[in-house]
């Protein structure tokens, strides 16, 4: 009984210690997304990265670095692949975006962006990673999507119409009419 109580007390102490350290901490959630944009002579990738401090403390010396885009495959068109902020308040958000242009065609999978920051109560540098990008099919030869295949409508349309008319005619012959039902009901009442 005594060792069970000691385990319970030590678990409670550990839980309180974890809550106390987590209560005064910054927790950055980083989301990275990319959108392909066709331009004359190529394709551009518009990248947007959003940082959100989901913790209860302010994050200081926040630096974002996205080294996903090698210069052999992409050229920077606008913005920078890195950015810094002095601080990010608890519950606050920041956004950063840039555009790169593809130099070669093929599938590309980007790694997560890296965010480094400090918490006032801790001197060690903290690190957070963004969500990874899904596979981007850059400069792919995508076939044009057909909205509706008119050849099938022209080929089978008349047949469908004839079958529908015959089906309706058979339905009308088989189903009793409303007037026949009413006349039977009236005869039974008399």
Protein backbone atom coordinates (compact mmCIF):
# COMPACT_ATOMS: atom_id res chain seq x y z
CA UNK A 1 0.00 0.00 0.00
CA UNK A 2 2.86 2.36 0.86
CA UNK A 3 4.68 1.81 -2.46
CA UNK A 4 1.43 2.36 -4.40
CA UNK A 5 0.92 5.66 -2.60
CA UNK A 6 4.56 6.62 -3.31
CA UNK A 7 4.07 5.84 -7.03
CA UNK A 8 0.88 7.87 -7.12
CA UNK A 9 2.52 10.85 -5.40
CA UNK A 10 5.54 10.70 -7.71
CA UNK A 11 3.27 10.54 -10.79
CA UNK A 12 1.30 13.52 -9.54
CA UNK A 13 4.53 15.44 -8.90
CA UNK A 14 5.78 14.58 -12.40
CA UNK A 15 2.48 15.67 -13.96
CA UNK A 16 2.57 18.98 -12.09
CA UNK A 17 6.17 19.52 -13.16
CA UNK A 18 5.29 18.90 -16.82
CA UNK A 19 2.29 21.22 -16.61
CA UNK A 20 4.34 23.93 -14.90
CA UNK A 21 7.05 23.87 -17.57
CA UNK A 22 4.53 23.62 -20.42
CA UNK A 23 2.42 26.42 -18.98
CA UNK A 24 5.23 28.94 -19.51
CA UNK A 25 6.28 27.85 -22.96
CA UNK A 26 5.82 28.82 -26.58
CA UNK A 27 4.61 26.18 -28.99
CA UNK A 28 4.83 27.08 -32.69
CA UNK A 29 2.63 25.39 -35.26
CA UNK A 30 3.92 25.97 -38.78
CA UNK A 31 1.89 25.28 -41.93
CA UNK A 32 3.45 25.38 -45.40
CA UNK A 33 1.48 25.22 -48.63
CA UNK A 34 2.30 25.67 -52.30
CA UNK A 35 0.23 26.48 -55.37
CA UNK A 36 1.31 25.97 -58.96
CA UNK A 37 0.76 28.82 -61.41
CA UNK A 38 1.23 28.50 -65.18
CA UNK A 39 3.09 31.44 -66.72
CA UNK A 40 4.35 32.07 -70.22
CA UNK A 41 7.31 29.80 -70.75
CA UNK A 42 7.11 27.91 -67.46
CA UNK A 43 5.48 27.35 -64.12
CA UNK A 44 5.78 29.16 -60.82
CA UNK A 45 5.30 27.87 -57.32
CA UNK A 46 3.68 30.29 -54.86
CA UNK A 47 4.71 29.26 -51.34
CA UNK A 48 2.90 30.47 -48.20
CA UNK A 49 4.08 29.67 -44.68
CA UNK A 50 1.99 30.50 -41.61
CA UNK A 51 3.35 30.45 -38.06
CA UNK A 52 1.01 30.30 -35.07
CA UNK A 53 2.08 30.42 -31.43
CA UNK A 54 -0.25 27.94 -29.72
CA UNK A 55 1.67 28.17 -26.44
CA UNK A 56 1.15 30.44 -23.46
CA UNK A 57 4.45 32.35 -23.67
CA UNK A 58 5.96 34.71 -26.22
CA UNK A 59 8.51 33.31 -28.69
CA UNK A 60 11.53 35.58 -29.26
CA UNK A 61 14.10 35.78 -32.07
CA UNK A 62 11.90 33.80 -34.43
CA UNK A 63 13.66 32.82 -37.67
CA UNK A 64 12.14 30.93 -40.58
CA UNK A 65 14.30 29.15 -43.16
CA UNK A 66 13.00 27.18 -46.14
CA UNK A 67 15.92 25.55 -47.97
CA UNK A 68 13.62 23.26 -49.95
CA UNK A 69 14.13 25.03 -53.26
CA UNK A 70 17.58 24.17 -54.77
CA UNK A 71 18.94 26.79 -57.18
CA UNK A 72 19.61 24.13 -59.80
CA UNK A 73 15.86 23.41 -60.05
CA UNK A 74 14.25 26.75 -59.07
CA UNK A 75 14.96 30.46 -59.36
CA UNK A 76 13.60 32.92 -56.81
CA UNK A 77 11.13 35.32 -58.45
CA UNK A 78 9.84 37.33 -55.48
CA UNK A 79 10.32 37.41 -51.72
CA UNK A 80 12.91 35.51 -49.68
CA UNK A 81 13.09 31.92 -48.54
CA UNK A 82 13.94 33.10 -45.02
CA UNK A 83 12.48 35.66 -42.64
CA UNK A 84 12.93 36.78 -39.04
CA UNK A 85 10.64 38.33 -36.47
CA UNK A 86 11.61 39.89 -33.15
CA UNK A 87 8.83 38.10 -31.30
CA UNK A 88 5.62 36.16 -31.73
CA UNK A 89 3.11 36.67 -28.93
CA UNK A 90 1.14 33.79 -27.42
CA UNK A 91 -1.90 33.16 -29.62
CA UNK A 92 -0.41 35.32 -32.40
CA UNK A 93 0.24 34.44 -36.02
CA UNK A 94 2.62 35.56 -38.75
CA UNK A 95 2.69 34.77 -42.45
CA UNK A 96 5.42 34.74 -45.04
CA UNK A 97 5.26 34.07 -48.77
CA UNK A 98 7.57 33.90 -51.75
CA UNK A 99 7.52 32.71 -55.35
CA UNK A 100 9.97 30.47 -57.20
CA UNK A 101 10.01 29.52 -60.88
CA UNK A 102 10.75 25.98 -61.99
CA UNK A 103 13.77 25.42 -64.24
CA UNK A 104 13.08 21.76 -64.93
CA UNK A 105 10.08 19.54 -65.24
CA UNK A 106 9.13 16.54 -63.14
CA UNK A 107 7.80 15.56 -59.72
CA UNK A 108 9.10 17.51 -56.74
CA UNK A 109 8.58 16.87 -53.04
CA UNK A 110 9.57 19.63 -50.65
CA UNK A 111 10.88 19.12 -47.16
CA UNK A 112 9.51 21.04 -44.17
CA UNK A 113 10.61 24.60 -43.40
CA UNK A 114 12.58 25.09 -40.17
CA UNK A 115 11.64 27.65 -37.53
CA UNK A 116 14.00 28.48 -34.66
CA UNK A 117 12.99 30.56 -31.64
CA UNK A 118 13.76 31.28 -28.02
CA UNK A 119 11.56 31.30 -24.94
CA UNK A 120 12.37 33.89 -22.25
CA UNK A 121 12.56 31.31 -19.46
CA UNK A 122 14.89 29.03 -21.49
CA UNK A 123 18.14 30.08 -23.10
CA UNK A 124 18.31 27.08 -25.44
CA UNK A 125 17.20 27.57 -29.02
CA UNK A 126 13.90 25.77 -29.78
CA UNK A 127 13.09 24.29 -33.18
CA UNK A 128 9.82 23.68 -35.02
CA UNK A 129 9.15 22.16 -38.43
CA UNK A 130 6.41 23.00 -40.91
CA UNK A 131 4.11 20.54 -42.58
CA UNK A 132 5.78 18.96 -45.64
CA UNK A 133 4.55 19.71 -49.12
CA UNK A 134 2.66 17.10 -51.08
CA UNK A 135 4.22 15.88 -54.31
CA UNK A 136 4.17 18.68 -56.90
CA UNK A 137 4.02 17.67 -60.56
CA UNK A 138 5.88 20.60 -62.08
CA UNK A 139 5.52 21.39 -65.78
CA UNK A 140 3.68 18.13 -66.33
CA UNK A 141 1.94 17.39 -69.57
CA UNK A 142 -1.53 17.01 -68.20
CA UNK A 143 -4.16 15.88 -70.69
CA UNK A 144 -7.11 18.19 -71.10
CA UNK A 145 -10.11 17.03 -69.11
CA UNK A 146 -13.25 16.28 -71.06
CA UNK A 147 -16.35 17.67 -69.46
CA UNK A 148 -18.83 15.64 -71.50
CA UNK A 149 -18.33 13.13 -74.27
CA UNK A 150 -20.79 14.16 -76.99
CA UNK A 151 -19.89 11.15 -79.17
CA UNK A 152 -21.63 8.83 -76.72
CA UNK A 153 -24.73 11.04 -76.63
CA UNK A 154 -24.93 11.10 -80.43
CA UNK A 155 -24.32 7.36 -80.73
CA UNK A 156 -26.63 6.08 -77.97
CA UNK A 157 -29.05 9.00 -77.47
CA UNK A 158 -31.79 7.81 -79.86
CA UNK A 159 -31.65 4.29 -78.43
CA UNK A 160 -32.09 5.61 -74.89
CA UNK A 161 -35.07 7.72 -75.99
CA UNK A 162 -36.80 4.76 -77.70
CA UNK A 163 -36.26 2.46 -74.69
CA UNK A 164 -37.62 5.16 -72.36
CA UNK A 165 -40.76 5.68 -74.47
CA UNK A 166 -41.43 1.93 -74.70
CA UNK A 167 -40.92 1.58 -70.94
CA UNK A 168 -43.37 4.40 -70.20
CA UNK A 169 -45.95 2.89 -72.60
CA UNK A 170 -45.71 -0.51 -70.88
CA UNK A 171 -45.98 1.17 -67.47
CA UNK A 172 -49.17 2.98 -68.55
CA UNK A 173 -50.71 -0.26 -69.84
CA UNK A 174 -49.91 -2.23 -66.70
CA UNK A 175 -50.78 0.32 -64.03
CA UNK A 176 -54.49 0.86 -63.33
CA UNK A 177 -55.85 4.33 -63.90
CA UNK A 178 -57.16 6.51 -61.10
CA UNK A 179 -60.63 6.70 -62.60
CA UNK A 180 -60.89 2.88 -62.62
CA UNK A 181 -59.97 2.82 -58.91
CA UNK A 182 -62.58 5.47 -58.12
CA UNK A 183 -65.32 3.63 -60.03
CA UNK A 184 -64.55 0.39 -58.14
CA UNK A 185 -64.72 2.24 -54.82
CA UNK A 186 -68.01 3.87 -55.75
CA UNK A 187 -69.54 0.48 -56.73
CA UNK A 188 -68.55 -1.01 -53.37
CA UNK A 189 -70.15 1.89 -51.47
CA UNK A 190 -73.49 1.48 -53.25
